[in-house]
Amino acid sequence: MAFRYAVALTGGIASGKSTVCNLLKLYGLRIIDADAIARDLIDKEASAIAEMFGERYVKEGKVDRKALGRLIFGDEGARRELERFLHPKIREEIVRQSEEQDRLKGPYIVDIPLFFETEHYPIEDVIVVYAPREVQKRRLIEREGLSEEEAEARLNAQLDIEEKRRRATWVIDNSGNLKDLQRETERVFNEITKSR
C-alpha cells in the first residue's frame, strides 16, 4: 500500500524546500522528489509539449523551461492544460516509488510542492517549509532574475503560504539564516522519528 510511512513536504515557491530535503537526506531520511519526476517527464514528453503549446517551447528535443514557465505562469488556461497532462503521470510515478519505500518501512519524505493544491495524495503528516511571502518574492527575484510582476504571478499560482502553514503537522521556519534552518529541520526530524 502506497504512502503508509510517508511524510509529505511542501511549502511555497522559494521557501527553501530543496535545502530542507538535502538536510533531511543528511539525517538519513529517504526522499521522493516530485519536481525531479516532473523534470524527467517534461523532457520525455517534449513532443507532446510542442503539440500543446507550439514548437517554440522545445529546443533541440528538450523543453525550454524558462519559456514554458513564462507561458504557464502568465496564462492560467495553459497552466491548467499542462497540469491536466502532467499530474496523472507524476502521481503514477510517485505511487510506484512510494510502494518501494513502504517495503523498506520507516518514515520517508515525499516532496510535493503542490501537495495541498492537487489533493491527490492520502498522506496525513505534512511538513510545511515556511518563509513569509515578501521573503519568497525577494528570493524569487534574486534567484530566477524575475521581475516583481513575474514573481507575484508565480506566488499567486500557489495556495497562500499562511494557509499552508495552518494545515501543517510540522512547520520548518525558513525566514532566518542557514543555521536557524538547520536547527528547525533537526527539531522536526527528531519529532518525526519519535512519532514513527
N, C-alpha and C. Protein backbone atom coordinates (compact mmCIF):
# COMPACT_ATOMS: atom_id res chain seq x y z
N MET A 1 0.85 -1.19 0.00
CA MET A 1 0.00 0.00 0.00
C MET A 1 0.89 1.25 0.00
N ALA A 2 0.65 2.16 -0.92
CA ALA A 2 1.47 3.37 -1.02
C ALA A 2 1.20 4.31 0.15
N PHE A 3 2.22 5.07 0.51
CA PHE A 3 2.16 6.18 1.47
C PHE A 3 1.98 5.77 2.93
N ARG A 4 2.14 4.51 3.25
CA ARG A 4 1.94 4.07 4.64
C ARG A 4 2.90 4.77 5.60
N TYR A 5 4.15 4.92 5.21
CA TYR A 5 5.17 5.53 6.08
C TYR A 5 5.57 6.93 5.60
N ALA A 6 4.80 7.47 4.66
CA ALA A 6 5.18 8.73 4.03
C ALA A 6 4.88 9.95 4.90
N VAL A 7 5.76 10.95 4.78
CA VAL A 7 5.52 12.29 5.33
C VAL A 7 5.65 13.24 4.15
N ALA A 8 4.60 14.02 3.89
CA ALA A 8 4.67 14.98 2.78
C ALA A 8 5.49 16.19 3.21
N LEU A 9 6.20 16.76 2.26
CA LEU A 9 6.92 18.01 2.50
C LEU A 9 6.49 18.98 1.41
N THR A 10 6.04 20.16 1.83
CA THR A 10 5.59 21.16 0.88
C THR A 10 5.95 22.54 1.42
N GLY A 11 5.52 23.56 0.71
CA GLY A 11 5.78 24.93 1.10
C GLY A 11 5.54 25.80 -0.10
N GLY A 12 5.87 27.06 -0.01
CA GLY A 12 5.70 27.94 -1.14
C GLY A 12 6.93 27.93 -2.03
N ILE A 13 6.80 28.48 -3.22
CA ILE A 13 7.93 28.61 -4.12
C ILE A 13 8.99 29.50 -3.43
N ALA A 14 10.24 29.09 -3.51
CA ALA A 14 11.37 29.83 -2.91
C ALA A 14 11.29 29.89 -1.39
N SER A 15 10.65 28.88 -0.78
CA SER A 15 10.59 28.85 0.70
C SER A 15 11.76 28.06 1.29
N GLY A 16 12.47 27.27 0.45
CA GLY A 16 13.63 26.52 0.93
C GLY A 16 13.42 25.02 1.02
N LYS A 17 12.45 24.49 0.27
CA LYS A 17 12.14 23.06 0.33
C LYS A 17 13.34 22.20 -0.06
N SER A 18 14.05 22.61 -1.11
CA SER A 18 15.20 21.81 -1.57
C SER A 18 16.28 21.73 -0.51
N THR A 19 16.55 22.84 0.14
CA THR A 19 17.57 22.86 1.19
C THR A 19 17.16 21.95 2.34
N VAL A 20 15.88 22.02 2.73
CA VAL A 20 15.38 21.16 3.81
C VAL A 20 15.49 19.70 3.41
N CYS A 21 15.13 19.37 2.17
CA CYS A 21 15.25 17.97 1.71
C CYS A 21 16.69 17.50 1.78
N ASN A 22 17.63 18.35 1.38
CA ASN A 22 19.04 17.97 1.45
C ASN A 22 19.48 17.74 2.89
N LEU A 23 19.02 18.57 3.81
CA LEU A 23 19.34 18.37 5.23
C LEU A 23 18.73 17.06 5.75
N LEU A 24 17.46 16.80 5.39
CA LEU A 24 16.80 15.57 5.85
C LEU A 24 17.49 14.33 5.29
N LYS A 25 18.01 14.43 4.06
CA LYS A 25 18.80 13.32 3.48
C LYS A 25 20.04 13.06 4.33
N LEU A 26 20.70 14.16 4.75
CA LEU A 26 21.89 14.01 5.60
C LEU A 26 21.56 13.30 6.91
N TYR A 27 20.34 13.53 7.42
CA TYR A 27 19.90 12.85 8.65
C TYR A 27 19.47 11.41 8.39
N GLY A 28 19.44 11.00 7.12
CA GLY A 28 19.16 9.61 6.79
C GLY A 28 17.75 9.33 6.28
N LEU A 29 16.94 10.37 6.07
CA LEU A 29 15.60 10.12 5.53
C LEU A 29 15.68 9.97 4.01
N ARG A 30 14.88 9.05 3.48
CA ARG A 30 14.80 8.85 2.03
C ARG A 30 13.80 9.87 1.47
N ILE A 31 14.05 10.31 0.23
CA ILE A 31 13.25 11.38 -0.37
C ILE A 31 12.69 10.93 -1.71
N ILE A 32 11.41 11.18 -1.94
CA ILE A 32 10.81 11.10 -3.27
C ILE A 32 10.58 12.54 -3.70
N ASP A 33 11.15 12.94 -4.83
CA ASP A 33 11.15 14.33 -5.26
C ASP A 33 10.22 14.52 -6.46
N ALA A 34 9.04 15.11 -6.23
CA ALA A 34 8.06 15.30 -7.30
C ALA A 34 8.60 16.22 -8.40
N ASP A 35 9.39 17.23 -8.03
CA ASP A 35 9.94 18.14 -9.04
C ASP A 35 10.91 17.41 -9.97
N ALA A 36 11.74 16.52 -9.41
CA ALA A 36 12.68 15.76 -10.24
C ALA A 36 11.90 14.85 -11.19
N ILE A 37 10.83 14.24 -10.68
CA ILE A 37 9.98 13.38 -11.53
C ILE A 37 9.37 14.23 -12.64
N ALA A 38 8.88 15.42 -12.29
CA ALA A 38 8.26 16.31 -13.29
C ALA A 38 9.28 16.73 -14.35
N ARG A 39 10.52 17.06 -13.92
CA ARG A 39 11.56 17.46 -14.89
C ARG A 39 11.85 16.33 -15.88
N ASP A 40 11.98 15.09 -15.36
CA ASP A 40 12.22 13.94 -16.25
C ASP A 40 11.07 13.77 -17.23
N LEU A 41 9.85 13.88 -16.72
CA LEU A 41 8.67 13.70 -17.55
C LEU A 41 8.58 14.76 -18.64
N ILE A 42 8.85 16.02 -18.29
CA ILE A 42 8.76 17.10 -19.27
C ILE A 42 9.72 16.83 -20.42
N ASP A 43 10.93 16.37 -20.10
CA ASP A 43 11.88 16.08 -21.18
C ASP A 43 11.41 14.90 -22.03
N LYS A 44 10.86 13.87 -21.38
CA LYS A 44 10.36 12.72 -22.15
C LYS A 44 9.17 13.10 -23.01
N GLU A 45 8.39 14.07 -22.56
CA GLU A 45 7.16 14.46 -23.25
C GLU A 45 7.33 15.73 -24.08
N ALA A 46 8.57 16.02 -24.50
CA ALA A 46 8.84 17.25 -25.25
C ALA A 46 7.96 17.38 -26.49
N SER A 47 7.74 16.28 -27.21
CA SER A 47 6.93 16.38 -28.43
C SER A 47 5.47 16.71 -28.09
N ALA A 48 4.96 16.15 -26.99
CA ALA A 48 3.58 16.47 -26.57
C ALA A 48 3.47 17.94 -26.15
N ILE A 49 4.52 18.45 -25.48
CA ILE A 49 4.54 19.86 -25.06
C ILE A 49 4.52 20.75 -26.31
N ALA A 50 5.32 20.38 -27.32
CA ALA A 50 5.35 21.15 -28.57
C ALA A 50 3.98 21.14 -29.24
N GLU A 51 3.31 19.98 -29.23
CA GLU A 51 1.96 19.89 -29.81
C GLU A 51 0.97 20.77 -29.06
N MET A 52 1.07 20.77 -27.72
CA MET A 52 0.13 21.54 -26.90
C MET A 52 0.33 23.04 -27.05
N PHE A 53 1.59 23.48 -27.00
CA PHE A 53 1.86 24.91 -26.87
C PHE A 53 2.65 25.52 -28.03
N GLY A 54 3.21 24.68 -28.89
CA GLY A 54 3.95 25.20 -30.03
C GLY A 54 5.42 24.79 -29.98
N GLU A 55 6.01 24.69 -31.17
CA GLU A 55 7.40 24.26 -31.31
C GLU A 55 8.39 25.20 -30.61
N ARG A 56 8.01 26.46 -30.44
CA ARG A 56 8.96 27.42 -29.84
C ARG A 56 9.29 27.08 -28.38
N TYR A 57 8.53 26.16 -27.77
CA TYR A 57 8.81 25.79 -26.38
C TYR A 57 9.74 24.58 -26.28
N VAL A 58 10.20 24.09 -27.43
CA VAL A 58 11.14 22.95 -27.45
C VAL A 58 12.34 23.33 -28.31
N LYS A 59 13.54 23.13 -27.75
CA LYS A 59 14.77 23.42 -28.50
C LYS A 59 15.66 22.19 -28.45
N GLU A 60 16.06 21.71 -29.61
CA GLU A 60 16.94 20.54 -29.72
C GLU A 60 16.41 19.35 -28.93
N GLY A 61 15.10 19.13 -29.04
CA GLY A 61 14.47 17.97 -28.41
C GLY A 61 14.20 18.10 -26.92
N LYS A 62 14.54 19.26 -26.33
CA LYS A 62 14.30 19.47 -24.89
C LYS A 62 13.39 20.68 -24.70
N VAL A 63 12.58 20.61 -23.66
CA VAL A 63 11.67 21.71 -23.37
C VAL A 63 12.47 22.90 -22.86
N ASP A 64 12.16 24.07 -23.40
CA ASP A 64 12.76 25.33 -22.93
C ASP A 64 11.98 25.73 -21.68
N ARG A 65 12.51 25.36 -20.53
CA ARG A 65 11.78 25.54 -19.26
C ARG A 65 11.48 27.00 -18.95
N LYS A 66 12.42 27.88 -19.26
CA LYS A 66 12.18 29.31 -18.96
C LYS A 66 11.01 29.83 -19.79
N ALA A 67 11.01 29.51 -21.07
CA ALA A 67 9.92 29.98 -21.95
C ALA A 67 8.59 29.36 -21.52
N LEU A 68 8.60 28.06 -21.22
CA LEU A 68 7.37 27.40 -20.79
C LEU A 68 6.90 27.98 -19.45
N GLY A 69 7.83 28.28 -18.55
CA GLY A 69 7.48 28.89 -17.27
C GLY A 69 6.80 30.23 -17.45
N ARG A 70 7.34 31.07 -18.37
CA ARG A 70 6.72 32.37 -18.63
C ARG A 70 5.29 32.19 -19.15
N LEU A 71 5.11 31.19 -20.03
CA LEU A 71 3.77 30.94 -20.57
C LEU A 71 2.81 30.50 -19.48
N ILE A 72 3.17 29.46 -18.73
CA ILE A 72 2.18 28.88 -17.81
C ILE A 72 1.90 29.76 -16.60
N PHE A 73 2.88 30.60 -16.20
CA PHE A 73 2.60 31.49 -15.08
C PHE A 73 1.93 32.78 -15.54
N GLY A 74 1.85 32.99 -16.86
CA GLY A 74 1.15 34.16 -17.37
C GLY A 74 -0.21 33.83 -17.96
N ASP A 75 -0.52 32.54 -18.08
CA ASP A 75 -1.76 32.11 -18.73
C ASP A 75 -2.34 30.93 -17.94
N GLU A 76 -3.38 31.21 -17.17
CA GLU A 76 -3.95 30.17 -16.30
C GLU A 76 -4.48 28.98 -17.09
N GLY A 77 -5.06 29.23 -18.27
CA GLY A 77 -5.57 28.14 -19.11
C GLY A 77 -4.45 27.20 -19.53
N ALA A 78 -3.31 27.77 -19.92
CA ALA A 78 -2.15 26.96 -20.33
C ALA A 78 -1.63 26.17 -19.13
N ARG A 79 -1.60 26.82 -17.96
CA ARG A 79 -1.11 26.12 -16.77
C ARG A 79 -2.00 24.92 -16.44
N ARG A 80 -3.31 25.15 -16.51
CA ARG A 80 -4.24 24.04 -16.21
C ARG A 80 -4.11 22.91 -17.22
N GLU A 81 -3.92 23.26 -18.48
CA GLU A 81 -3.75 22.23 -19.53
C GLU A 81 -2.50 21.39 -19.26
N LEU A 82 -1.40 22.06 -18.91
CA LEU A 82 -0.17 21.34 -18.61
C LEU A 82 -0.34 20.47 -17.37
N GLU A 83 -1.00 21.00 -16.34
CA GLU A 83 -1.23 20.21 -15.11
C GLU A 83 -2.10 18.99 -15.39
N ARG A 84 -3.15 19.17 -16.21
CA ARG A 84 -4.02 18.02 -16.55
C ARG A 84 -3.23 16.93 -17.25
N PHE A 85 -2.27 17.32 -18.06
CA PHE A 85 -1.45 16.36 -18.79
C PHE A 85 -0.41 15.70 -17.89
N LEU A 86 0.30 16.52 -17.08
CA LEU A 86 1.43 16.00 -16.31
C LEU A 86 1.07 15.35 -14.98
N HIS A 87 0.12 15.93 -14.24
CA HIS A 87 -0.12 15.47 -12.87
C HIS A 87 -0.47 13.99 -12.75
N PRO A 88 -1.31 13.42 -13.63
CA PRO A 88 -1.56 11.96 -13.50
C PRO A 88 -0.30 11.13 -13.69
N LYS A 89 0.58 11.55 -14.59
CA LYS A 89 1.83 10.82 -14.84
C LYS A 89 2.78 10.95 -13.64
N ILE A 90 2.85 12.16 -13.08
CA ILE A 90 3.69 12.39 -11.90
C ILE A 90 3.17 11.55 -10.75
N ARG A 91 1.87 11.57 -10.55
CA ARG A 91 1.27 10.81 -9.44
C ARG A 91 1.57 9.31 -9.58
N GLU A 92 1.43 8.80 -10.78
CA GLU A 92 1.69 7.37 -11.03
C GLU A 92 3.12 6.99 -10.61
N GLU A 93 4.09 7.84 -10.95
CA GLU A 93 5.48 7.56 -10.59
C GLU A 93 5.71 7.72 -9.09
N ILE A 94 5.08 8.70 -8.48
CA ILE A 94 5.21 8.88 -7.02
C ILE A 94 4.63 7.67 -6.30
N VAL A 95 3.49 7.18 -6.73
CA VAL A 95 2.89 5.99 -6.12
C VAL A 95 3.83 4.79 -6.26
N ARG A 96 4.40 4.61 -7.46
CA ARG A 96 5.32 3.49 -7.68
C ARG A 96 6.51 3.57 -6.72
N GLN A 97 7.12 4.77 -6.62
CA GLN A 97 8.27 4.93 -5.73
C GLN A 97 7.86 4.77 -4.26
N SER A 98 6.67 5.24 -3.92
CA SER A 98 6.19 5.12 -2.54
C SER A 98 6.01 3.65 -2.14
N GLU A 99 5.49 2.86 -3.05
CA GLU A 99 5.32 1.43 -2.76
C GLU A 99 6.68 0.78 -2.49
N GLU A 100 7.69 1.18 -3.25
CA GLU A 100 9.06 0.68 -3.00
C GLU A 100 9.54 1.11 -1.61
N GLN A 101 9.35 2.37 -1.27
CA GLN A 101 9.79 2.89 0.03
C GLN A 101 9.05 2.23 1.19
N ASP A 102 7.76 1.98 1.03
CA ASP A 102 6.98 1.35 2.10
C ASP A 102 7.49 -0.05 2.42
N ARG A 103 8.03 -0.73 1.42
CA ARG A 103 8.57 -2.07 1.67
C ARG A 103 9.78 -2.00 2.61
N LEU A 104 10.48 -0.87 2.59
CA LEU A 104 11.65 -0.70 3.46
C LEU A 104 11.26 -0.32 4.89
N LYS A 105 10.02 0.10 5.07
CA LYS A 105 9.48 0.55 6.36
C LYS A 105 10.22 1.79 6.87
N GLY A 106 9.67 2.42 7.86
CA GLY A 106 10.28 3.63 8.42
C GLY A 106 9.90 4.86 7.60
N PRO A 107 9.95 6.03 8.23
CA PRO A 107 9.50 7.25 7.55
C PRO A 107 10.38 7.64 6.37
N TYR A 108 9.75 8.22 5.38
CA TYR A 108 10.44 8.82 4.23
C TYR A 108 9.64 10.04 3.81
N ILE A 109 10.28 10.91 3.06
CA ILE A 109 9.69 12.19 2.66
C ILE A 109 9.20 12.11 1.21
N VAL A 110 8.01 12.65 0.97
CA VAL A 110 7.53 12.85 -0.39
C VAL A 110 7.44 14.37 -0.58
N ASP A 111 8.39 14.90 -1.33
CA ASP A 111 8.49 16.34 -1.57
C ASP A 111 7.55 16.71 -2.71
N ILE A 112 6.41 17.34 -2.37
CA ILE A 112 5.38 17.68 -3.36
C ILE A 112 5.04 19.16 -3.21
N PRO A 113 5.61 20.02 -4.06
CA PRO A 113 5.33 21.45 -3.93
C PRO A 113 3.84 21.79 -3.95
N LEU A 114 3.05 21.09 -4.75
CA LEU A 114 1.62 21.39 -4.85
C LEU A 114 0.76 20.37 -4.08
N PHE A 115 1.26 19.93 -2.92
CA PHE A 115 0.56 18.91 -2.14
C PHE A 115 -0.88 19.33 -1.82
N PHE A 116 -1.05 20.52 -1.27
CA PHE A 116 -2.40 20.97 -0.89
C PHE A 116 -3.24 21.34 -2.11
N GLU A 117 -2.58 21.89 -3.14
CA GLU A 117 -3.32 22.33 -4.32
C GLU A 117 -3.94 21.16 -5.08
N THR A 118 -3.19 20.06 -5.21
CA THR A 118 -3.68 18.94 -6.03
C THR A 118 -4.58 18.00 -5.25
N GLU A 119 -4.35 17.87 -3.95
CA GLU A 119 -5.14 16.95 -3.10
C GLU A 119 -5.19 15.53 -3.67
N HIS A 120 -4.06 15.08 -4.25
CA HIS A 120 -4.02 13.75 -4.87
C HIS A 120 -3.41 12.68 -3.98
N TYR A 121 -2.90 13.07 -2.81
CA TYR A 121 -2.08 12.14 -2.04
C TYR A 121 -2.64 11.96 -0.63
N PRO A 122 -2.97 10.71 -0.26
CA PRO A 122 -3.55 10.45 1.06
C PRO A 122 -2.49 10.35 2.16
N ILE A 123 -1.77 11.44 2.37
CA ILE A 123 -0.70 11.48 3.38
C ILE A 123 -1.17 12.40 4.50
N GLU A 124 -1.20 11.86 5.73
CA GLU A 124 -1.73 12.64 6.85
C GLU A 124 -0.73 13.64 7.41
N ASP A 125 0.53 13.23 7.57
CA ASP A 125 1.52 14.10 8.20
C ASP A 125 2.22 14.95 7.14
N VAL A 126 2.24 16.27 7.39
CA VAL A 126 2.76 17.20 6.40
C VAL A 126 3.71 18.20 7.05
N ILE A 127 4.91 18.31 6.47
CA ILE A 127 5.86 19.36 6.85
C ILE A 127 5.66 20.51 5.88
N VAL A 128 5.50 21.72 6.40
CA VAL A 128 5.48 22.91 5.55
C VAL A 128 6.74 23.71 5.84
N VAL A 129 7.52 23.96 4.78
CA VAL A 129 8.69 24.83 4.88
C VAL A 129 8.15 26.24 4.65
N TYR A 130 8.32 27.07 5.66
CA TYR A 130 7.68 28.38 5.68
C TYR A 130 8.67 29.52 5.54
N ALA A 131 8.34 30.45 4.67
CA ALA A 131 9.01 31.75 4.61
C ALA A 131 7.92 32.76 4.28
N PRO A 132 7.91 33.92 4.91
CA PRO A 132 6.88 34.92 4.61
C PRO A 132 6.88 35.27 3.12
N ARG A 133 5.72 35.66 2.62
CA ARG A 133 5.55 35.95 1.20
C ARG A 133 6.58 36.94 0.67
N GLU A 134 6.86 38.00 1.42
CA GLU A 134 7.82 39.00 0.96
C GLU A 134 9.23 38.40 0.81
N VAL A 135 9.57 37.47 1.71
CA VAL A 135 10.86 36.79 1.63
C VAL A 135 10.88 35.90 0.39
N GLN A 136 9.79 35.17 0.16
CA GLN A 136 9.69 34.33 -1.04
C GLN A 136 9.88 35.17 -2.30
N LYS A 137 9.18 36.31 -2.34
CA LYS A 137 9.25 37.16 -3.53
C LYS A 137 10.67 37.66 -3.76
N ARG A 138 11.33 38.13 -2.71
CA ARG A 138 12.71 38.62 -2.83
C ARG A 138 13.63 37.52 -3.36
N ARG A 139 13.48 36.30 -2.78
CA ARG A 139 14.33 35.18 -3.22
C ARG A 139 14.07 34.83 -4.68
N LEU A 140 12.81 34.84 -5.09
CA LEU A 140 12.45 34.52 -6.48
C LEU A 140 13.08 35.52 -7.44
N ILE A 141 13.00 36.79 -7.10
CA ILE A 141 13.56 37.84 -7.95
C ILE A 141 15.07 37.67 -8.06
N GLU A 142 15.72 37.40 -6.91
CA GLU A 142 17.19 37.24 -6.90
C GLU A 142 17.62 35.95 -7.60
N ARG A 143 16.93 34.85 -7.29
CA ARG A 143 17.34 33.54 -7.79
C ARG A 143 17.04 33.33 -9.27
N GLU A 144 15.85 33.76 -9.68
CA GLU A 144 15.39 33.48 -11.05
C GLU A 144 15.56 34.67 -11.99
N GLY A 145 15.92 35.83 -11.42
CA GLY A 145 16.03 37.03 -12.26
C GLY A 145 14.68 37.49 -12.78
N LEU A 146 13.62 37.26 -12.00
CA LEU A 146 12.27 37.63 -12.43
C LEU A 146 11.98 39.09 -12.09
N SER A 147 11.04 39.65 -12.82
CA SER A 147 10.53 40.97 -12.44
C SER A 147 9.60 40.78 -11.24
N GLU A 148 9.23 41.88 -10.60
CA GLU A 148 8.30 41.79 -9.47
C GLU A 148 6.96 41.20 -9.90
N GLU A 149 6.49 41.58 -11.10
CA GLU A 149 5.21 41.07 -11.61
C GLU A 149 5.29 39.56 -11.86
N GLU A 150 6.40 39.10 -12.45
CA GLU A 150 6.56 37.66 -12.71
C GLU A 150 6.61 36.88 -11.39
N ALA A 151 7.32 37.42 -10.40
CA ALA A 151 7.40 36.77 -9.09
C ALA A 151 6.03 36.69 -8.46
N GLU A 152 5.27 37.77 -8.54
CA GLU A 152 3.89 37.79 -7.99
C GLU A 152 3.03 36.74 -8.68
N ALA A 153 3.15 36.63 -10.00
CA ALA A 153 2.34 35.64 -10.75
C ALA A 153 2.65 34.23 -10.28
N ARG A 154 3.91 33.93 -10.02
CA ARG A 154 4.28 32.58 -9.56
C ARG A 154 3.76 32.33 -8.14
N LEU A 155 3.86 33.34 -7.30
CA LEU A 155 3.33 33.19 -5.94
C LEU A 155 1.81 33.02 -5.96
N ASN A 156 1.14 33.75 -6.83
CA ASN A 156 -0.33 33.67 -6.91
C ASN A 156 -0.82 32.35 -7.49
N ALA A 157 0.06 31.61 -8.16
CA ALA A 157 -0.32 30.32 -8.76
C ALA A 157 -0.41 29.22 -7.70
N GLN A 158 0.04 29.50 -6.48
CA GLN A 158 0.01 28.50 -5.40
C GLN A 158 -0.90 28.99 -4.27
N LEU A 159 -1.33 28.03 -3.47
CA LEU A 159 -2.08 28.35 -2.26
C LEU A 159 -1.21 29.25 -1.38
N ASP A 160 -1.83 30.23 -0.73
CA ASP A 160 -1.08 31.17 0.11
C ASP A 160 -0.29 30.43 1.19
N ILE A 161 0.94 30.88 1.41
CA ILE A 161 1.84 30.22 2.37
C ILE A 161 1.26 30.21 3.79
N GLU A 162 0.51 31.22 4.15
CA GLU A 162 -0.08 31.25 5.50
C GLU A 162 -1.13 30.15 5.66
N GLU A 163 -1.86 29.87 4.58
CA GLU A 163 -2.85 28.77 4.62
C GLU A 163 -2.14 27.43 4.71
N LYS A 164 -1.05 27.27 3.97
CA LYS A 164 -0.28 26.03 4.05
C LYS A 164 0.24 25.83 5.48
N ARG A 165 0.72 26.91 6.06
CA ARG A 165 1.23 26.86 7.44
C ARG A 165 0.15 26.37 8.41
N ARG A 166 -1.07 26.87 8.23
CA ARG A 166 -2.18 26.46 9.11
C ARG A 166 -2.49 24.97 9.00
N ARG A 167 -2.30 24.40 7.82
CA ARG A 167 -2.65 23.00 7.58
C ARG A 167 -1.55 22.01 7.95
N ALA A 168 -0.38 22.52 8.33
CA ALA A 168 0.79 21.67 8.56
C ALA A 168 0.69 20.85 9.84
N THR A 169 1.32 19.67 9.82
CA THR A 169 1.57 18.92 11.04
C THR A 169 2.78 19.52 11.74
N TRP A 170 3.83 19.81 10.94
CA TRP A 170 5.05 20.46 11.43
C TRP A 170 5.38 21.62 10.51
N VAL A 171 5.89 22.70 11.09
CA VAL A 171 6.35 23.85 10.31
C VAL A 171 7.85 24.01 10.53
N ILE A 172 8.59 24.13 9.43
CA ILE A 172 10.01 24.47 9.47
C ILE A 172 10.10 25.92 9.01
N ASP A 173 10.45 26.81 9.91
CA ASP A 173 10.50 28.23 9.61
C ASP A 173 11.84 28.56 8.94
N ASN A 174 11.77 29.04 7.70
CA ASN A 174 12.98 29.40 6.97
C ASN A 174 13.01 30.90 6.68
N SER A 175 12.67 31.69 7.69
CA SER A 175 12.74 33.14 7.48
C SER A 175 14.06 33.71 8.02
N GLY A 176 14.88 32.84 8.63
CA GLY A 176 16.17 33.29 9.17
C GLY A 176 17.33 32.88 8.29
N ASN A 177 18.45 32.53 8.93
CA ASN A 177 19.65 32.14 8.18
C ASN A 177 19.77 30.61 8.12
N LEU A 178 20.84 30.11 7.50
CA LEU A 178 21.01 28.67 7.32
C LEU A 178 21.14 27.93 8.65
N LYS A 179 21.84 28.53 9.61
CA LYS A 179 21.97 27.89 10.94
C LYS A 179 20.60 27.70 11.58
N ASP A 180 19.74 28.74 11.50
CA ASP A 180 18.37 28.64 12.03
C ASP A 180 17.61 27.52 11.32
N LEU A 181 17.78 27.44 10.00
CA LEU A 181 17.09 26.42 9.22
C LEU A 181 17.56 25.03 9.63
N GLN A 182 18.86 24.86 9.86
CA GLN A 182 19.38 23.56 10.30
C GLN A 182 18.76 23.16 11.63
N ARG A 183 18.66 24.11 12.56
CA ARG A 183 18.05 23.82 13.88
C ARG A 183 16.58 23.42 13.73
N GLU A 184 15.87 24.19 12.91
CA GLU A 184 14.44 23.90 12.67
C GLU A 184 14.26 22.50 12.06
N THR A 185 15.10 22.20 11.07
CA THR A 185 14.99 20.91 10.38
C THR A 185 15.32 19.76 11.32
N GLU A 186 16.34 19.92 12.13
CA GLU A 186 16.71 18.88 13.09
C GLU A 186 15.60 18.65 14.11
N ARG A 187 14.98 19.74 14.56
CA ARG A 187 13.86 19.63 15.52
C ARG A 187 12.73 18.79 14.92
N VAL A 188 12.36 19.09 13.68
CA VAL A 188 11.26 18.36 13.04
C VAL A 188 11.67 16.92 12.75
N PHE A 189 12.91 16.71 12.31
CA PHE A 189 13.40 15.34 12.09
C PHE A 189 13.26 14.52 13.37
N ASN A 190 13.67 15.08 14.51
CA ASN A 190 13.57 14.36 15.79
C ASN A 190 12.12 14.05 16.14
N GLU A 191 11.22 14.98 15.87
CA GLU A 191 9.80 14.74 16.16
C GLU A 191 9.23 13.64 15.26
N ILE A 192 9.64 13.63 14.00
CA ILE A 192 9.16 12.58 13.08
C ILE A 192 9.65 11.21 13.53
N THR A 193 10.92 11.12 13.86
CA THR A 193 11.47 9.81 14.21
C THR A 193 10.94 9.33 15.56
N LYS A 194 10.57 10.25 16.45
CA LYS A 194 9.95 9.83 17.72
C LYS A 194 8.53 9.32 17.51
N SER A 195 7.83 9.94 16.54
CA SER A 195 6.42 9.59 16.33
C SER A 195 6.23 8.37 15.46
N ARG A 196 7.29 7.81 14.91
CA ARG A 196 7.14 6.69 13.96
C ARG A 196 7.74 5.42 14.53
